[in-house]
């Protein structure tokens, strides 16, 4: 999977209904040491503006290399929650995943989604982790949460397309890739995926 990772067509439809961190200490302290914010994190309008500008630039750009640079900036923006606590938990989850401590990583990501449910990357990373742990249903539920909050999240859309392809649902996978290209039209790999799926679907109907 290029980015992330649906189990059944019914779950896939649920995703279509709604239209990767700061530096941190290398060793994670015990879970109970995680600081608790005094108020729920709220996504500010100011934080959304640069992301909107980047997505607009990504949609206009036709040069693959330039688009890749813009996409990297989008990912960097989405990876920064604006909260030191959440960013720290994300770093700990990344470290735990690298050390194959999936249960600990899942605990950190559960905390992220509770502390800041508006932070899409917490849901996105947890979806990837659920997939790697073999729980596609939970992975898909988290993808739905990502796309509900940010329909332009091309990483989640790529993961959605990948899972649908694995499930043999080519029609829905094609729709996911088309949504992806509407956000990131210069991605050559996505263009190739759409071309191959379109040819396969056409061949199956003849």
N, C-alpha and C. Protein backbone atom coordinates (compact mmCIF):
# COMPACT_ATOMS: atom_id res chain seq x y z
N UNK A 1 0.83 -1.20 0.00
CA UNK A 1 0.00 0.00 0.00
C UNK A 1 0.87 1.26 0.00
N UNK A 2 0.53 2.19 -0.85
CA UNK A 2 1.35 3.39 -0.95
C UNK A 2 1.20 4.28 0.27
N UNK A 3 0.00 4.35 0.80
CA UNK A 3 -0.21 5.28 1.90
C UNK A 3 -0.88 4.59 3.09
N UNK A 4 -1.95 3.92 2.90
CA UNK A 4 -2.80 3.49 3.99
C UNK A 4 -3.71 2.40 3.53
N UNK A 5 -4.45 1.93 4.41
CA UNK A 5 -5.29 0.99 3.78
C UNK A 5 -6.67 1.30 4.16
N UNK A 6 -10.79 -2.14 2.48
CA UNK A 6 -12.05 -1.98 3.03
C UNK A 6 -12.51 -3.36 3.00
N UNK A 7 -13.01 -3.54 3.61
CA UNK A 7 -13.27 -4.94 3.82
C UNK A 7 -14.36 -5.42 2.90
N UNK A 8 -15.54 -4.83 3.01
CA UNK A 8 -16.67 -5.25 2.18
C UNK A 8 -17.20 -4.08 1.39
N UNK A 9 -17.94 -4.36 0.28
CA UNK A 9 -18.53 -3.26 -0.48
C UNK A 9 -19.46 -2.40 0.36
N UNK A 10 -20.16 -3.00 1.32
CA UNK A 10 -21.06 -2.23 2.17
C UNK A 10 -20.27 -1.19 2.96
N UNK A 11 -19.14 -1.60 3.51
CA UNK A 11 -18.29 -0.66 4.24
C UNK A 11 -17.74 0.40 3.31
N UNK A 12 -17.42 -0.01 2.11
CA UNK A 12 -16.88 0.94 1.13
C UNK A 12 -17.89 2.04 0.86
N UNK A 13 -19.15 1.69 0.71
CA UNK A 13 -20.18 2.69 0.47
C UNK A 13 -20.25 3.68 1.61
N UNK A 14 -20.04 3.20 2.82
CA UNK A 14 -20.09 4.09 3.98
C UNK A 14 -19.01 5.16 3.89
N UNK A 15 -17.87 4.81 3.33
CA UNK A 15 -16.79 5.77 3.19
C UNK A 15 -17.11 6.79 2.11
N UNK A 16 -17.82 6.38 1.07
CA UNK A 16 -18.10 7.28 -0.04
C UNK A 16 -19.28 8.20 0.22
N UNK A 17 -20.06 7.95 1.25
CA UNK A 17 -21.20 8.82 1.55
C UNK A 17 -20.74 10.21 1.93
N UNK A 18 -19.85 10.37 2.91
CA UNK A 18 -19.29 11.70 3.18
C UNK A 18 -18.43 12.11 2.00
N UNK A 19 -18.84 13.29 1.62
CA UNK A 19 -18.03 13.67 0.47
C UNK A 19 -16.52 13.24 0.74
N UNK A 20 1.57 11.53 8.90
CA UNK A 20 2.77 11.26 8.65
C UNK A 20 3.44 12.54 9.08
N UNK A 21 5.86 15.20 11.97
CA UNK A 21 5.61 15.34 13.41
C UNK A 21 6.77 16.12 14.08
N UNK A 22 6.39 16.74 15.08
CA UNK A 22 7.44 17.51 15.78
C UNK A 22 8.45 16.62 16.45
N UNK A 23 9.66 17.12 16.67
CA UNK A 23 10.69 16.34 17.35
C UNK A 23 10.26 16.04 18.78
N UNK A 24 10.62 14.84 19.24
CA UNK A 24 10.21 14.43 20.58
C UNK A 24 11.29 13.55 21.17
N UNK A 25 11.29 13.33 22.50
CA UNK A 25 12.25 12.44 23.11
C UNK A 25 12.17 11.07 22.48
N UNK A 26 13.28 10.38 22.41
CA UNK A 26 13.33 9.09 21.75
C UNK A 26 12.62 8.00 22.54
N UNK A 27 12.68 8.06 23.84
CA UNK A 27 12.06 7.01 24.64
C UNK A 27 10.74 7.51 25.19
N UNK A 28 9.70 6.68 25.03
CA UNK A 28 8.38 7.08 25.50
C UNK A 28 8.22 6.72 26.97
N UNK A 29 7.76 7.66 27.79
CA UNK A 29 7.52 7.35 29.20
C UNK A 29 6.27 6.51 29.33
N UNK A 30 5.98 5.98 30.51
CA UNK A 30 4.79 5.17 30.69
C UNK A 30 3.55 5.93 30.27
N UNK A 31 2.52 5.16 29.88
CA UNK A 31 1.31 5.77 29.35
C UNK A 31 0.69 6.76 30.32
N UNK A 32 0.77 6.47 31.62
CA UNK A 32 0.12 7.35 32.58
C UNK A 32 0.81 8.71 32.68
N UNK A 33 2.02 8.82 32.11
CA UNK A 33 2.75 10.09 32.19
C UNK A 33 2.33 11.07 31.10
N UNK A 34 1.44 10.63 30.19
CA UNK A 34 1.04 11.51 29.11
C UNK A 34 0.31 12.72 29.67
N UNK A 35 0.74 13.95 29.35
CA UNK A 35 0.07 15.14 29.87
C UNK A 35 -1.33 15.26 29.32
N UNK A 36 -2.22 15.77 30.14
CA UNK A 36 -3.61 15.93 29.73
C UNK A 36 -3.92 17.41 29.54
N UNK A 37 -4.45 17.80 28.38
CA UNK A 37 -4.79 19.20 28.16
C UNK A 37 -5.98 19.60 29.01
N UNK A 38 -6.06 20.86 29.32
CA UNK A 38 -7.16 21.34 30.16
C UNK A 38 -8.43 21.59 29.36
N UNK A 39 -8.31 21.66 28.03
CA UNK A 39 -9.49 21.86 27.20
C UNK A 39 -9.30 21.13 25.89
N UNK A 40 -10.39 20.70 25.22
CA UNK A 40 -10.28 19.99 23.94
C UNK A 40 -9.57 20.85 22.91
N UNK A 41 -8.76 20.18 22.08
CA UNK A 41 -8.06 20.91 21.02
C UNK A 41 -9.07 21.31 19.96
N UNK A 42 -8.93 22.52 19.44
CA UNK A 42 -9.84 23.02 18.43
C UNK A 42 -9.03 23.48 17.23
N UNK A 43 -9.40 22.99 16.04
CA UNK A 43 -8.69 23.38 14.83
C UNK A 43 -9.04 24.82 14.50
N UNK A 44 -8.04 25.65 14.35
CA UNK A 44 -8.29 27.07 14.10
C UNK A 44 -8.47 27.33 12.61
N UNK A 45 -9.21 28.38 12.30
CA UNK A 45 -9.41 28.75 10.90
C UNK A 45 -8.10 29.15 10.27
N UNK A 46 -7.23 29.78 11.06
CA UNK A 46 -5.92 30.22 10.54
C UNK A 46 -5.09 29.03 10.10
N UNK A 47 -5.19 27.90 10.84
CA UNK A 47 -4.40 26.72 10.51
C UNK A 47 -4.88 26.09 9.21
N UNK A 48 -6.16 26.25 8.88
CA UNK A 48 -6.71 25.62 7.69
C UNK A 48 -6.32 26.36 6.41
N UNK A 49 -6.03 27.66 6.49
CA UNK A 49 -5.79 28.46 5.30
C UNK A 49 -4.58 28.00 4.48
N UNK A 50 -3.40 27.78 5.10
CA UNK A 50 -2.28 27.33 4.28
C UNK A 50 -2.55 25.98 3.63
N UNK A 51 -3.30 25.10 4.29
CA UNK A 51 -3.62 23.80 3.73
C UNK A 51 -4.53 23.96 2.52
N UNK A 52 -5.51 24.85 2.62
CA UNK A 52 -6.39 25.10 1.48
C UNK A 52 -5.60 25.62 0.28
N UNK A 53 -4.66 26.53 0.55
CA UNK A 53 -3.83 27.09 -0.51
C UNK A 53 -2.99 26.01 -1.18
N UNK A 54 -2.43 25.11 -0.36
CA UNK A 54 -1.61 24.02 -0.90
C UNK A 54 -2.45 23.05 -1.72
N UNK A 55 -3.63 22.72 -1.26
CA UNK A 55 -4.50 21.81 -2.02
C UNK A 55 -4.90 22.44 -3.36
N UNK A 56 -5.15 23.73 -3.36
CA UNK A 56 -5.49 24.43 -4.61
C UNK A 56 -4.31 24.38 -5.58
N UNK A 57 -3.10 24.59 -5.05
CA UNK A 57 -1.91 24.54 -5.89
C UNK A 57 -1.68 23.12 -6.43
N UNK A 58 -1.92 22.12 -5.58
CA UNK A 58 -1.74 20.73 -5.98
C UNK A 58 -2.72 20.37 -7.10
N UNK A 59 -3.93 20.86 -7.01
CA UNK A 59 -4.94 20.56 -8.03
C UNK A 59 -4.61 21.23 -9.36
N UNK A 60 -3.98 22.40 -9.33
CA UNK A 60 -3.63 23.11 -10.56
C UNK A 60 -2.36 22.59 -11.22
N UNK A 61 -1.44 22.07 -10.41
CA UNK A 61 -0.11 21.70 -10.92
C UNK A 61 -0.19 20.46 -11.82
N UNK A 62 0.43 20.54 -12.99
CA UNK A 62 0.43 19.41 -13.92
C UNK A 62 1.82 18.77 -14.05
N UNK A 63 2.84 19.42 -13.55
CA UNK A 63 4.18 18.85 -13.58
C UNK A 63 4.33 17.87 -12.41
N UNK A 64 4.59 16.58 -12.68
CA UNK A 64 4.64 15.57 -11.61
C UNK A 64 5.64 15.87 -10.51
N UNK A 65 6.83 16.37 -10.88
CA UNK A 65 7.84 16.64 -9.86
C UNK A 65 7.47 17.83 -8.99
N UNK A 66 6.95 18.87 -9.61
CA UNK A 66 6.51 20.03 -8.83
C UNK A 66 5.34 19.65 -7.93
N UNK A 67 4.44 18.84 -8.47
CA UNK A 67 3.28 18.40 -7.68
C UNK A 67 3.72 17.57 -6.49
N UNK A 68 4.76 16.76 -6.69
CA UNK A 68 5.26 15.94 -5.59
C UNK A 68 5.77 16.82 -4.45
N UNK A 69 6.41 17.93 -4.81
CA UNK A 69 6.89 18.86 -3.79
C UNK A 69 5.74 19.48 -3.02
N UNK A 70 4.68 19.85 -3.74
CA UNK A 70 3.50 20.42 -3.08
C UNK A 70 2.84 19.37 -2.18
N UNK A 71 2.76 18.14 -2.67
CA UNK A 71 2.16 17.06 -1.88
C UNK A 71 2.93 16.86 -0.58
N UNK A 72 4.25 16.97 -0.64
CA UNK A 72 5.06 16.84 0.57
C UNK A 72 4.74 17.94 1.57
N UNK A 73 4.49 19.14 1.05
CA UNK A 73 4.11 20.25 1.94
C UNK A 73 2.74 20.00 2.57
N UNK A 74 1.82 19.44 1.78
CA UNK A 74 0.50 19.11 2.31
C UNK A 74 0.63 18.11 3.46
N UNK A 75 1.45 17.08 3.24
CA UNK A 75 1.64 16.05 4.27
C UNK A 75 2.24 16.65 5.53
N UNK A 76 3.22 17.55 5.34
CA UNK A 76 3.84 18.19 6.50
C UNK A 76 2.82 19.00 7.28
N UNK A 77 1.95 19.71 6.58
CA UNK A 77 0.91 20.50 7.25
C UNK A 77 -0.05 19.59 8.01
N UNK A 78 -0.46 18.50 7.38
CA UNK A 78 -1.42 17.61 8.02
C UNK A 78 -0.81 16.85 9.18
N UNK A 79 0.50 16.66 9.15
CA UNK A 79 1.17 15.93 10.24
C UNK A 79 1.33 16.77 11.50
N UNK A 80 1.22 18.08 11.38
CA UNK A 80 1.37 18.96 12.54
C UNK A 80 0.01 19.29 13.12
N UNK A 81 -0.27 18.77 14.29
CA UNK A 81 -1.58 18.97 14.91
C UNK A 81 -1.73 20.37 15.50
N UNK A 82 -0.60 21.05 15.74
CA UNK A 82 -0.65 22.32 16.43
C UNK A 82 -0.65 22.17 17.94
N UNK A 83 -0.61 20.92 18.40
CA UNK A 83 -0.59 20.64 19.84
C UNK A 83 0.68 19.86 20.17
N UNK A 84 1.46 20.37 21.13
CA UNK A 84 2.69 19.68 21.52
C UNK A 84 2.37 18.29 22.07
N UNK A 85 1.28 18.17 22.81
CA UNK A 85 0.90 16.88 23.39
C UNK A 85 0.58 15.86 22.30
N UNK A 86 -0.25 16.27 21.35
CA UNK A 86 -0.64 15.36 20.28
C UNK A 86 0.56 15.00 19.40
N UNK A 87 1.38 15.99 19.08
CA UNK A 87 2.56 15.70 18.27
C UNK A 87 3.49 14.72 18.97
N UNK A 88 3.60 14.85 20.29
CA UNK A 88 4.45 13.94 21.06
C UNK A 88 3.88 12.53 21.02
N UNK A 89 2.58 12.40 21.17
CA UNK A 89 1.95 11.08 21.11
C UNK A 89 2.14 10.45 19.73
N UNK A 90 2.06 11.28 18.69
CA UNK A 90 2.28 10.77 17.34
C UNK A 90 3.71 10.28 17.17
N UNK A 91 4.66 11.01 17.74
CA UNK A 91 6.06 10.58 17.66
C UNK A 91 6.25 9.26 18.40
N UNK A 92 5.65 9.15 19.58
CA UNK A 92 5.75 7.90 20.34
C UNK A 92 5.13 6.73 19.57
N UNK A 93 4.01 7.00 18.91
CA UNK A 93 3.37 5.93 18.13
C UNK A 93 4.28 5.49 16.98
N UNK A 94 4.93 6.47 16.34
CA UNK A 94 5.85 6.14 15.25
C UNK A 94 7.01 5.29 15.75
N UNK A 95 7.57 5.68 16.90
CA UNK A 95 8.68 4.91 17.48
C UNK A 95 8.24 3.50 17.83
N UNK A 96 7.03 3.38 18.41
CA UNK A 96 6.52 2.07 18.81
C UNK A 96 6.29 1.18 17.60
N UNK A 97 5.79 1.76 16.50
CA UNK A 97 5.56 0.98 15.28
C UNK A 97 6.88 0.46 14.73
N UNK A 98 7.90 1.32 14.73
CA UNK A 98 9.22 0.91 14.25
C UNK A 98 9.78 -0.24 15.08
N UNK A 99 9.46 -0.24 16.38
CA UNK A 99 9.94 -1.30 17.27
C UNK A 99 9.00 -2.49 17.32
N UNK A 100 7.96 -2.46 16.44
CA UNK A 100 6.97 -3.54 16.34
C UNK A 100 6.20 -3.72 17.64
N UNK A 101 6.02 -2.63 18.38
CA UNK A 101 5.21 -2.64 19.60
C UNK A 101 3.83 -2.08 19.25
N UNK A 102 3.08 -2.88 18.50
CA UNK A 102 1.82 -2.39 17.95
C UNK A 102 0.79 -2.04 19.01
N UNK A 103 0.75 -2.81 20.08
CA UNK A 103 -0.24 -2.54 21.13
C UNK A 103 0.01 -1.16 21.76
N UNK A 104 1.27 -0.85 22.01
CA UNK A 104 1.62 0.46 22.58
C UNK A 104 1.30 1.57 21.59
N UNK A 105 1.64 1.34 20.31
CA UNK A 105 1.36 2.34 19.28
C UNK A 105 -0.14 2.60 19.19
N UNK A 106 -0.93 1.53 19.27
CA UNK A 106 -2.38 1.68 19.19
C UNK A 106 -2.91 2.47 20.37
N UNK A 107 -2.33 2.26 21.54
CA UNK A 107 -2.75 3.01 22.72
C UNK A 107 -2.47 4.50 22.55
N UNK A 108 -1.29 4.83 22.03
CA UNK A 108 -0.95 6.23 21.79
C UNK A 108 -1.92 6.87 20.79
N UNK A 109 -2.24 6.13 19.72
CA UNK A 109 -3.12 6.68 18.68
C UNK A 109 -4.56 6.78 19.16
N UNK A 110 -4.98 5.86 20.03
CA UNK A 110 -6.30 5.99 20.64
C UNK A 110 -6.40 7.30 21.42
N UNK A 111 -5.32 7.62 22.13
CA UNK A 111 -5.29 8.86 22.91
C UNK A 111 -5.35 10.08 21.99
N UNK A 112 -4.66 10.00 20.85
CA UNK A 112 -4.66 11.11 19.90
C UNK A 112 -6.08 11.38 19.41
N UNK A 113 -6.79 10.33 19.00
CA UNK A 113 -8.13 10.53 18.45
C UNK A 113 -9.11 11.03 19.51
N UNK A 114 -8.84 10.72 20.78
CA UNK A 114 -9.70 11.21 21.86
C UNK A 114 -9.37 12.67 22.21
N UNK A 115 -8.07 12.98 22.27
CA UNK A 115 -7.66 14.33 22.62
C UNK A 115 -7.98 15.35 21.53
N UNK A 116 -7.80 14.95 20.27
CA UNK A 116 -8.03 15.88 19.17
C UNK A 116 -8.68 15.15 18.00
N UNK A 117 -9.98 14.91 18.08
CA UNK A 117 -10.67 14.17 17.01
C UNK A 117 -10.66 14.89 15.66
N UNK A 118 -10.38 16.20 15.66
CA UNK A 118 -10.31 16.94 14.39
C UNK A 118 -9.00 16.72 13.65
N UNK A 119 -8.02 16.13 14.32
CA UNK A 119 -6.70 15.90 13.72
C UNK A 119 -6.75 14.64 12.85
N UNK A 120 -6.84 14.82 11.55
CA UNK A 120 -7.07 13.69 10.65
C UNK A 120 -5.93 12.68 10.64
N UNK A 121 -4.70 13.14 10.85
CA UNK A 121 -3.58 12.22 10.73
C UNK A 121 -3.57 11.18 11.84
N UNK A 122 -4.18 11.50 12.99
CA UNK A 122 -4.30 10.49 14.04
C UNK A 122 -5.14 9.32 13.57
N UNK A 123 -6.29 9.62 12.94
CA UNK A 123 -7.15 8.57 12.40
C UNK A 123 -6.44 7.84 11.26
N UNK A 124 -5.73 8.59 10.42
CA UNK A 124 -5.06 8.00 9.27
C UNK A 124 -4.00 6.99 9.68
N UNK A 125 -3.19 7.39 10.65
CA UNK A 125 -2.13 6.47 11.08
C UNK A 125 -2.72 5.25 11.80
N UNK A 126 -3.78 5.48 12.56
CA UNK A 126 -4.39 4.34 13.24
C UNK A 126 -5.03 3.38 12.23
N UNK A 127 -5.58 3.93 11.14
CA UNK A 127 -6.13 3.07 10.08
C UNK A 127 -5.04 2.18 9.50
N UNK A 128 -3.88 2.77 9.24
CA UNK A 128 -2.76 2.00 8.71
C UNK A 128 -2.34 0.91 9.68
N UNK A 129 -2.28 1.26 10.96
CA UNK A 129 -1.88 0.29 11.97
C UNK A 129 -2.90 -0.84 12.07
N UNK A 130 -4.18 -0.51 12.07
CA UNK A 130 -5.22 -1.55 12.11
C UNK A 130 -5.07 -2.50 10.92
N UNK A 131 -4.78 -1.93 9.76
CA UNK A 131 -4.62 -2.76 8.57
C UNK A 131 -3.44 -3.72 8.72
N UNK A 132 -2.33 -3.19 9.16
CA UNK A 132 -1.14 -4.04 9.32
C UNK A 132 -1.35 -5.10 10.39
N UNK A 133 -2.26 -4.83 11.33
CA UNK A 133 -2.57 -5.81 12.38
C UNK A 133 -3.66 -6.78 11.94
N UNK A 134 -4.13 -6.62 10.71
CA UNK A 134 -5.09 -7.57 10.15
C UNK A 134 -6.55 -7.25 10.39
N UNK A 135 -6.84 -6.06 10.93
CA UNK A 135 -8.22 -5.69 11.20
C UNK A 135 -8.69 -4.68 10.16
N UNK A 136 -9.13 -5.18 9.01
CA UNK A 136 -9.53 -4.30 7.92
C UNK A 136 -10.80 -3.52 8.25
N UNK A 137 -11.70 -4.11 9.03
CA UNK A 137 -12.93 -3.40 9.36
C UNK A 137 -12.63 -2.13 10.18
N UNK A 138 -11.77 -2.24 11.16
CA UNK A 138 -11.41 -1.06 11.95
C UNK A 138 -10.60 -0.07 11.11
N UNK A 139 -9.76 -0.60 10.23
CA UNK A 139 -8.98 0.27 9.35
C UNK A 139 -9.93 1.10 8.49
N UNK A 140 -10.96 0.46 7.95
CA UNK A 140 -11.89 1.17 7.11
C UNK A 140 -12.72 2.18 7.87
N UNK A 141 -13.06 1.84 9.10
CA UNK A 141 -13.81 2.79 9.93
C UNK A 141 -12.99 4.06 10.17
N UNK A 142 -11.68 3.88 10.37
CA UNK A 142 -10.82 5.05 10.57
C UNK A 142 -10.63 5.85 9.28
N UNK A 143 -10.56 5.16 8.14
CA UNK A 143 -10.48 5.87 6.86
C UNK A 143 -11.71 6.75 6.68
N UNK A 144 -12.87 6.21 7.06
CA UNK A 144 -14.11 6.98 6.95
C UNK A 144 -14.04 8.24 7.81
N UNK A 145 -13.43 8.13 9.00
CA UNK A 145 -13.28 9.29 9.88
C UNK A 145 -12.36 10.34 9.25
N UNK A 146 -11.30 9.86 8.60
CA UNK A 146 -10.37 10.78 7.92
C UNK A 146 -11.10 11.56 6.84
N UNK A 147 -11.79 10.83 5.96
CA UNK A 147 -12.42 11.46 4.81
C UNK A 147 -13.63 12.30 5.19
N UNK A 148 -14.24 12.00 6.32
CA UNK A 148 -15.34 12.83 6.81
C UNK A 148 -14.82 14.21 7.19
N UNK A 149 -13.61 14.23 7.76
CA UNK A 149 -13.01 15.48 8.22
C UNK A 149 -12.24 16.20 7.12
N UNK A 150 -11.60 15.42 6.24
CA UNK A 150 -10.81 16.01 5.16
C UNK A 150 -10.96 15.15 3.90
N UNK A 151 -11.97 15.45 3.06
CA UNK A 151 -12.22 14.66 1.85
C UNK A 151 -11.06 14.70 0.86
N UNK A 152 -10.16 15.67 1.02
CA UNK A 152 -9.02 15.79 0.09
C UNK A 152 -7.80 15.01 0.55
N UNK A 153 -7.92 14.22 1.61
CA UNK A 153 -6.77 13.48 2.14
C UNK A 153 -6.39 12.37 1.16
N UNK A 154 -5.44 12.68 0.28
CA UNK A 154 -5.10 11.74 -0.79
C UNK A 154 -4.45 10.46 -0.27
N UNK A 155 -3.81 10.53 0.88
CA UNK A 155 -3.25 9.30 1.45
C UNK A 155 -4.34 8.31 1.82
N UNK A 156 -5.40 8.81 2.46
CA UNK A 156 -6.51 7.95 2.84
C UNK A 156 -7.24 7.44 1.60
N UNK A 157 -7.37 8.28 0.58
CA UNK A 157 -8.03 7.85 -0.65
C UNK A 157 -7.23 6.76 -1.35
N UNK A 158 -5.91 6.87 -1.34
CA UNK A 158 -5.07 5.82 -1.93
C UNK A 158 -5.21 4.52 -1.16
N UNK A 159 -5.26 4.63 0.18
CA UNK A 159 -5.45 3.44 1.00
C UNK A 159 -6.79 2.80 0.74
N UNK A 160 -7.82 3.63 0.62
CA UNK A 160 -9.15 3.14 0.32
C UNK A 160 -9.16 2.39 -1.00
N UNK A 161 -8.55 2.98 -2.02
CA UNK A 161 -8.48 2.34 -3.33
C UNK A 161 -7.74 1.01 -3.26
N UNK A 162 -6.67 0.97 -2.49
CA UNK A 162 -5.89 -0.25 -2.37
C UNK A 162 -6.67 -1.38 -1.72
N UNK A 163 -7.40 -1.07 -0.67
CA UNK A 163 -8.17 -2.11 0.01
C UNK A 163 -9.31 -2.61 -0.87
N UNK A 164 -9.96 -1.69 -1.56
CA UNK A 164 -11.04 -2.08 -2.46
C UNK A 164 -10.53 -2.97 -3.58
N UNK A 165 -9.33 -2.67 -4.08
CA UNK A 165 -8.74 -3.50 -5.12
C UNK A 165 -8.46 -4.90 -4.57
N UNK A 166 -7.93 -4.98 -3.35
CA UNK A 166 -7.69 -6.28 -2.72
C UNK A 166 -8.98 -7.06 -2.54
N UNK A 167 -10.07 -6.34 -2.25
CA UNK A 167 -11.36 -6.98 -2.04
C UNK A 167 -12.03 -7.38 -3.35
N UNK A 168 -11.44 -6.99 -4.48
CA UNK A 168 -12.00 -7.33 -5.78
C UNK A 168 -13.12 -6.41 -6.23
N UNK A 169 -13.29 -5.29 -5.54
CA UNK A 169 -14.34 -4.34 -5.92
C UNK A 169 -13.73 -3.26 -6.81
N UNK A 170 -13.56 -3.62 -8.08
CA UNK A 170 -12.87 -2.72 -9.01
C UNK A 170 -13.63 -1.43 -9.27
N UNK A 171 -14.96 -1.51 -9.33
CA UNK A 171 -15.75 -0.30 -9.60
C UNK A 171 -15.56 0.75 -8.51
N UNK A 172 -15.63 0.31 -7.24
CA UNK A 172 -15.46 1.25 -6.13
C UNK A 172 -14.01 1.71 -6.03
N UNK A 173 -13.07 0.81 -6.33
CA UNK A 173 -11.65 1.19 -6.31
C UNK A 173 -11.39 2.28 -7.34
N UNK A 174 -12.01 2.13 -8.53
CA UNK A 174 -11.85 3.14 -9.58
C UNK A 174 -12.39 4.48 -9.11
N UNK A 175 -13.54 4.48 -8.43
CA UNK A 175 -14.10 5.73 -7.93
C UNK A 175 -13.15 6.38 -6.91
N UNK A 176 -12.53 5.56 -6.08
CA UNK A 176 -11.59 6.10 -5.09
C UNK A 176 -10.40 6.74 -5.78
N UNK A 177 -9.86 6.08 -6.81
CA UNK A 177 -8.72 6.65 -7.53
C UNK A 177 -9.12 7.92 -8.28
N UNK A 178 -10.34 7.95 -8.78
CA UNK A 178 -10.81 9.16 -9.47
C UNK A 178 -10.92 10.32 -8.49
N UNK A 179 -11.38 10.04 -7.28
CA UNK A 179 -11.42 11.07 -6.25
C UNK A 179 -10.01 11.54 -5.92
N UNK A 180 -9.09 10.58 -5.86
CA UNK A 180 -7.68 10.90 -5.60
C UNK A 180 -7.15 11.86 -6.66
N UNK A 181 -7.39 11.53 -7.93
CA UNK A 181 -6.88 12.36 -9.02
C UNK A 181 -7.55 13.73 -9.08
N UNK A 182 -8.74 13.84 -8.55
CA UNK A 182 -9.39 15.14 -8.48
C UNK A 182 -8.65 16.07 -7.51
N UNK A 183 -7.97 15.45 -6.53
CA UNK A 183 -7.18 16.20 -5.55
C UNK A 183 -5.74 16.37 -6.03
N UNK A 184 -5.19 15.30 -6.60
CA UNK A 184 -3.77 15.24 -6.96
C UNK A 184 -3.65 14.73 -8.40
N UNK A 185 -4.04 15.54 -9.39
CA UNK A 185 -4.12 15.07 -10.78
C UNK A 185 -2.80 14.73 -11.45
N UNK A 186 -1.67 15.20 -10.93
CA UNK A 186 -0.39 14.96 -11.59
C UNK A 186 0.29 13.67 -11.14
N UNK A 187 -0.34 12.90 -10.28
CA UNK A 187 0.29 11.66 -9.77
C UNK A 187 0.23 10.59 -10.85
N UNK A 188 1.37 10.25 -11.41
CA UNK A 188 1.44 9.30 -12.52
C UNK A 188 1.02 7.89 -12.10
N UNK A 189 1.38 7.48 -10.89
CA UNK A 189 1.00 6.14 -10.44
C UNK A 189 -0.51 6.02 -10.32
N UNK A 190 -1.16 7.06 -9.83
CA UNK A 190 -2.62 7.04 -9.73
C UNK A 190 -3.24 7.04 -11.12
N UNK A 191 -2.64 7.79 -12.05
CA UNK A 191 -3.13 7.81 -13.42
C UNK A 191 -3.07 6.40 -14.03
N UNK A 192 -1.95 5.71 -13.77
CA UNK A 192 -1.79 4.35 -14.29
C UNK A 192 -2.80 3.39 -13.65
N UNK A 193 -3.04 3.58 -12.36
CA UNK A 193 -4.00 2.73 -11.66
C UNK A 193 -5.40 2.89 -12.25
N UNK A 194 -5.78 4.14 -12.55
CA UNK A 194 -7.08 4.41 -13.15
C UNK A 194 -7.17 3.79 -14.54
N UNK A 195 -6.10 3.92 -15.31
CA UNK A 195 -6.08 3.37 -16.67
C UNK A 195 -6.23 1.85 -16.65
N UNK A 196 -5.48 1.20 -15.77
CA UNK A 196 -5.54 -0.27 -15.70
C UNK A 196 -6.90 -0.76 -15.22
N UNK A 197 -7.43 -0.09 -14.19
CA UNK A 197 -8.74 -0.50 -13.67
C UNK A 197 -9.84 -0.27 -14.71
N UNK A 198 -9.76 0.84 -15.42
CA UNK A 198 -10.76 1.14 -16.45
C UNK A 198 -10.74 0.08 -17.53
N UNK A 199 -9.54 -0.31 -17.97
CA UNK A 199 -9.40 -1.34 -18.98
C UNK A 199 -9.93 -2.69 -18.48
N UNK A 200 -9.62 -3.01 -17.24
CA UNK A 200 -10.07 -4.27 -16.65
C UNK A 200 -11.59 -4.32 -16.56
N UNK A 201 -12.19 -3.23 -16.10
CA UNK A 201 -13.65 -3.17 -15.96
C UNK A 201 -14.32 -3.26 -17.33
N UNK A 202 -13.76 -2.55 -18.31
CA UNK A 202 -14.31 -2.59 -19.67
C UNK A 202 -14.22 -4.00 -20.24
N UNK A 203 -13.09 -4.67 -19.98
CA UNK A 203 -12.91 -6.04 -20.49
C UNK A 203 -13.88 -7.01 -19.85
N UNK A 204 -14.17 -6.81 -18.57
CA UNK A 204 -15.10 -7.70 -17.87
C UNK A 204 -16.53 -7.53 -18.36
N UNK A 205 -16.83 -6.37 -18.96
CA UNK A 205 -18.20 -6.10 -19.38
C UNK A 205 -18.46 -6.46 -20.83
N UNK A 206 -17.38 -6.86 -21.54
CA UNK A 206 -17.56 -7.23 -22.95
C UNK A 206 -17.85 -8.71 -23.09
